[in-house]
Amino acid sequence: MYILKDNNYSKIEVVLLCLSLTILSSFVLNLGSLFVILSPHTKINNLYIIILGITMVVGFIFIPTVILKRLIGFNTSPIRLINIYKFLMYIILIFVVSLFYSVKMEEIIHPFVVATCEEYLFRGLFFSLLLTKFSKFKSIIIGSLIFSLLLHLNGNFIENLLIKLPTSVILYIIREKIGLQESIVVHWLYNLIITKISM
């Protein structure tokens, strides 16, 4: 999908733009986490989910979309990147299936917000941006390296390299072959499984 009208930037500038937007998104997310930590509220878990949702939408969707619109002429809305009917069908299906298991609502919502925002930024915006200067293969590798090693910088380096990097490549392939809504759903399910395993 060609969503960028005017990309006169060099290859290195495009990569630096992706790196900068990743750092900015992480910074906005960390500001939200800091707000929750410093908050005097007793129901931290609910507050955390709300603040996480707001800061992720602002940092991973709104700000990058606005910046790309101003710099390059990004000419689509976030909704146009996904098939909304398929996406809603997947959401309903996962919520219905989760009713049969002992899954709390916040255990579903938190991974959903994270998956949606990360997929929009990396498999939606960055992939489209990188494809204007690089081959599909190189775009997937560059995007996956940024996703696994910069976005998840706070994680274990070896784990990021051995687990998050290949997972990211798979998510890029799913996005390319099937669609962004499917990569969001697979990422969401992956996060749900990891959340349940780590409990």
Protein backbone atom coordinates (compact mmCIF):
# COMPACT_ATOMS: atom_id res chain seq x y z
CA MET A 1 0.00 0.00 0.00
CA TYR A 2 1.53 3.30 -1.08
CA ILE A 3 0.58 5.83 1.57
CA LEU A 4 3.42 8.32 1.30
CA LYS A 5 3.08 10.94 -1.41
CA ASP A 6 6.45 12.62 -1.31
CA ASN A 7 9.48 10.86 0.15
CA ASN A 8 12.60 12.75 -0.91
CA TYR A 9 14.58 11.51 2.07
CA SER A 10 17.66 9.32 1.67
CA LYS A 11 17.76 5.74 2.91
CA ILE A 12 19.69 6.71 6.03
CA GLU A 13 17.25 9.55 6.76
CA VAL A 14 14.31 7.14 6.50
CA VAL A 15 15.99 4.75 8.95
CA LEU A 16 16.83 7.66 11.29
CA LEU A 17 13.20 8.81 11.09
CA CYS A 18 12.01 5.32 12.12
CA LEU A 19 14.57 5.27 14.95
CA SER A 20 13.54 8.75 16.12
CA LEU A 21 9.83 7.93 16.07
CA THR A 22 10.51 4.74 18.05
CA ILE A 23 12.42 6.70 20.69
CA LEU A 24 9.70 9.37 20.81
CA SER A 25 6.96 6.72 21.15
CA SER A 26 8.84 5.00 23.97
CA PHE A 27 9.37 8.34 25.70
CA VAL A 28 5.64 9.16 25.61
CA LEU A 29 4.83 5.67 26.93
CA ASN A 30 7.37 6.05 29.75
CA LEU A 31 5.88 9.44 30.69
CA GLY A 32 2.53 7.68 31.13
CA SER A 33 4.13 4.96 33.27
CA LEU A 34 5.84 7.62 35.39
CA PHE A 35 2.49 9.35 35.89
CA VAL A 36 0.98 6.07 37.14
CA ILE A 37 3.91 5.43 39.49
CA LEU A 38 3.65 8.92 40.98
CA SER A 39 -0.15 8.80 41.20
CA PRO A 40 -1.69 8.59 44.68
CA HIS A 41 -4.59 6.40 43.44
CA THR A 42 -5.06 3.02 45.07
CA LYS A 43 -6.43 1.22 41.99
CA ILE A 44 -3.13 1.29 40.12
CA ASN A 45 -3.99 -1.62 37.81
CA ASN A 46 -7.06 0.07 36.25
CA LEU A 47 -5.31 3.44 36.13
CA TYR A 48 -2.29 1.82 34.49
CA ILE A 49 -4.42 0.26 31.74
CA ILE A 50 -6.16 3.58 31.04
CA ILE A 51 -2.93 5.62 31.03
CA LEU A 52 -1.16 2.94 28.98
CA GLY A 53 -3.96 3.04 26.41
CA ILE A 54 -3.90 6.82 26.16
CA THR A 55 -0.11 7.15 25.99
CA MET A 56 0.24 4.31 23.49
CA VAL A 57 -2.41 5.74 21.17
CA VAL A 58 -0.82 9.19 21.43
CA GLY A 59 2.79 7.98 21.19
CA PHE A 60 2.47 5.11 18.73
CA ILE A 61 -0.41 6.27 16.50
CA PHE A 62 -1.27 9.97 16.75
CA ILE A 63 2.18 11.63 17.01
CA PRO A 64 3.92 9.46 14.35
CA THR A 65 0.99 9.91 11.94
CA VAL A 66 1.06 13.70 12.38
CA ILE A 67 4.85 13.88 12.02
CA LEU A 68 4.83 11.74 8.87
CA LYS A 69 1.97 13.80 7.43
CA ARG A 70 3.98 17.00 7.93
CA LEU A 71 7.36 15.64 6.80
CA ILE A 72 6.42 13.33 3.95
CA GLY A 73 2.77 13.88 3.12
CA PHE A 74 1.25 10.86 4.79
CA ASN A 75 -2.12 10.69 3.05
CA THR A 76 -4.29 8.19 4.90
CA SER A 77 -5.98 7.73 8.24
CA PRO A 78 -5.05 4.89 10.61
CA ILE A 79 -8.41 3.24 9.92
CA ARG A 80 -7.63 2.85 6.21
CA LEU A 81 -4.63 0.63 6.97
CA ILE A 82 -6.89 -2.16 8.26
CA ASN A 83 -10.04 -3.92 7.13
CA ILE A 84 -12.24 -2.72 10.00
CA TYR A 85 -14.91 -5.42 9.53
CA LYS A 86 -12.40 -8.28 9.66
CA PHE A 87 -10.67 -6.64 12.60
CA LEU A 88 -13.92 -6.30 14.59
CA MET A 89 -14.79 -9.91 13.79
CA TYR A 90 -11.41 -11.05 15.18
CA ILE A 91 -11.85 -8.93 18.32
CA ILE A 92 -15.32 -10.36 19.00
CA LEU A 93 -14.10 -13.91 18.38
CA ILE A 94 -11.18 -13.54 20.81
CA PHE A 95 -13.40 -11.98 23.49
CA VAL A 96 -15.98 -14.76 23.12
CA VAL A 97 -13.34 -17.52 23.28
CA SER A 98 -11.71 -15.87 26.31
CA LEU A 99 -15.05 -16.04 28.17
CA PHE A 100 -14.61 -19.82 28.33
CA TYR A 101 -11.23 -19.52 30.02
CA SER A 102 -10.24 -17.84 33.26
CA VAL A 103 -9.01 -14.63 31.67
CA LYS A 104 -9.57 -11.28 33.35
CA MET A 105 -10.67 -8.36 31.19
CA GLU A 106 -7.43 -6.41 31.84
CA GLU A 107 -5.46 -9.47 30.70
CA ILE A 108 -7.23 -9.14 27.34
CA ILE A 109 -7.30 -5.36 26.99
CA HIS A 110 -3.66 -4.64 27.91
CA PRO A 111 -2.18 -7.02 25.26
CA PHE A 112 -4.73 -5.74 22.72
CA VAL A 113 -3.72 -2.10 23.19
CA VAL A 114 -0.02 -2.96 23.04
CA ALA A 115 -0.39 -5.16 19.95
CA THR A 116 -2.59 -2.66 18.08
CA CYS A 117 -0.33 0.32 18.71
CA GLU A 118 2.95 -1.50 18.06
CA GLU A 119 1.61 -3.10 14.88
CA TYR A 120 0.25 0.19 13.58
CA LEU A 121 3.60 1.91 14.12
CA PHE A 122 5.93 -0.86 12.93
CA ARG A 123 3.98 -3.00 10.46
CA GLY A 124 1.78 -0.09 9.31
CA LEU A 125 3.73 3.16 9.20
CA PHE A 126 7.36 2.03 9.30
CA PHE A 127 6.86 -0.78 6.80
CA SER A 128 5.20 1.60 4.33
CA LEU A 129 7.94 4.17 4.91
CA LEU A 130 10.81 1.69 4.57
CA LEU A 131 9.31 0.21 1.38
CA THR A 132 9.72 3.59 -0.33
CA LYS A 133 13.52 3.19 -0.12
CA PHE A 134 14.29 -0.49 0.49
CA SER A 135 13.31 -3.90 -0.85
CA LYS A 136 10.64 -5.87 1.00
CA PHE A 137 13.28 -8.13 2.57
CA LYS A 138 15.46 -5.23 3.78
CA SER A 139 12.40 -3.33 5.05
CA ILE A 140 11.35 -6.34 7.12
CA ILE A 141 14.86 -6.81 8.55
CA ILE A 142 15.36 -3.11 9.37
CA GLY A 143 11.90 -2.80 10.92
CA SER A 144 12.38 -6.00 12.92
CA LEU A 145 15.77 -4.88 14.24
CA ILE A 146 14.29 -1.56 15.38
CA PHE A 147 11.31 -3.35 16.93
CA SER A 148 13.25 -6.04 18.77
CA LEU A 149 16.40 -4.18 19.78
CA LEU A 150 15.34 -0.54 20.24
CA LEU A 151 11.67 -0.66 21.24
CA HIS A 152 12.36 -3.54 23.63
CA LEU A 153 15.68 -2.12 24.81
CA ASN A 154 14.73 -2.72 28.44
CA GLY A 155 14.53 -6.49 27.81
CA ASN A 156 17.25 -9.11 27.71
CA PHE A 157 19.37 -8.59 24.56
CA ILE A 158 19.77 -12.31 23.79
CA GLU A 159 16.04 -12.93 24.34
CA ASN A 160 15.21 -9.99 22.07
CA LEU A 161 17.57 -11.32 19.40
CA LEU A 162 16.39 -14.93 19.60
CA ILE A 163 12.66 -14.44 20.26
CA LYS A 164 11.45 -10.91 19.45
CA LEU A 165 13.47 -10.52 16.23
CA PRO A 166 12.12 -13.70 14.53
CA THR A 167 8.63 -12.98 15.91
CA SER A 168 8.80 -9.51 14.38
CA VAL A 169 9.87 -10.94 11.01
CA ILE A 170 6.88 -13.32 11.13
CA LEU A 171 4.53 -10.42 11.97
CA TYR A 172 5.90 -8.41 9.00
CA ILE A 173 5.31 -11.39 6.71
CA ILE A 174 1.75 -11.80 8.03
CA ARG A 175 1.12 -8.09 7.48
CA GLU A 176 2.49 -8.29 3.94
CA LYS A 177 0.77 -11.53 2.89
CA ILE A 178 -2.57 -11.24 4.71
CA GLY A 179 -3.04 -7.80 6.26
CA LEU A 180 -2.36 -5.47 9.16
CA GLN A 181 -5.43 -6.62 11.11
CA GLU A 182 -4.11 -10.21 11.05
CA SER A 183 -0.68 -9.16 12.30
CA ILE A 184 -2.41 -7.24 15.12
CA VAL A 185 -4.47 -10.32 16.06
CA VAL A 186 -1.45 -12.67 15.98
CA HIS A 187 0.58 -10.18 18.06
CA TRP A 188 -2.36 -9.87 20.47
CA LEU A 189 -2.67 -13.65 20.85
CA TYR A 190 1.10 -13.94 21.32
CA ASN A 191 0.97 -11.30 24.08
CA LEU A 192 -2.04 -13.05 25.69
CA ILE A 193 -0.19 -16.36 25.76
CA ILE A 194 2.99 -14.77 27.16
CA THR A 195 0.92 -12.99 29.83
CA LYS A 196 -0.76 -16.25 30.88
CA ILE A 197 2.52 -18.19 30.91
CA SER A 198 4.35 -15.57 32.97
CA MET A 199 1.65 -15.49 35.68
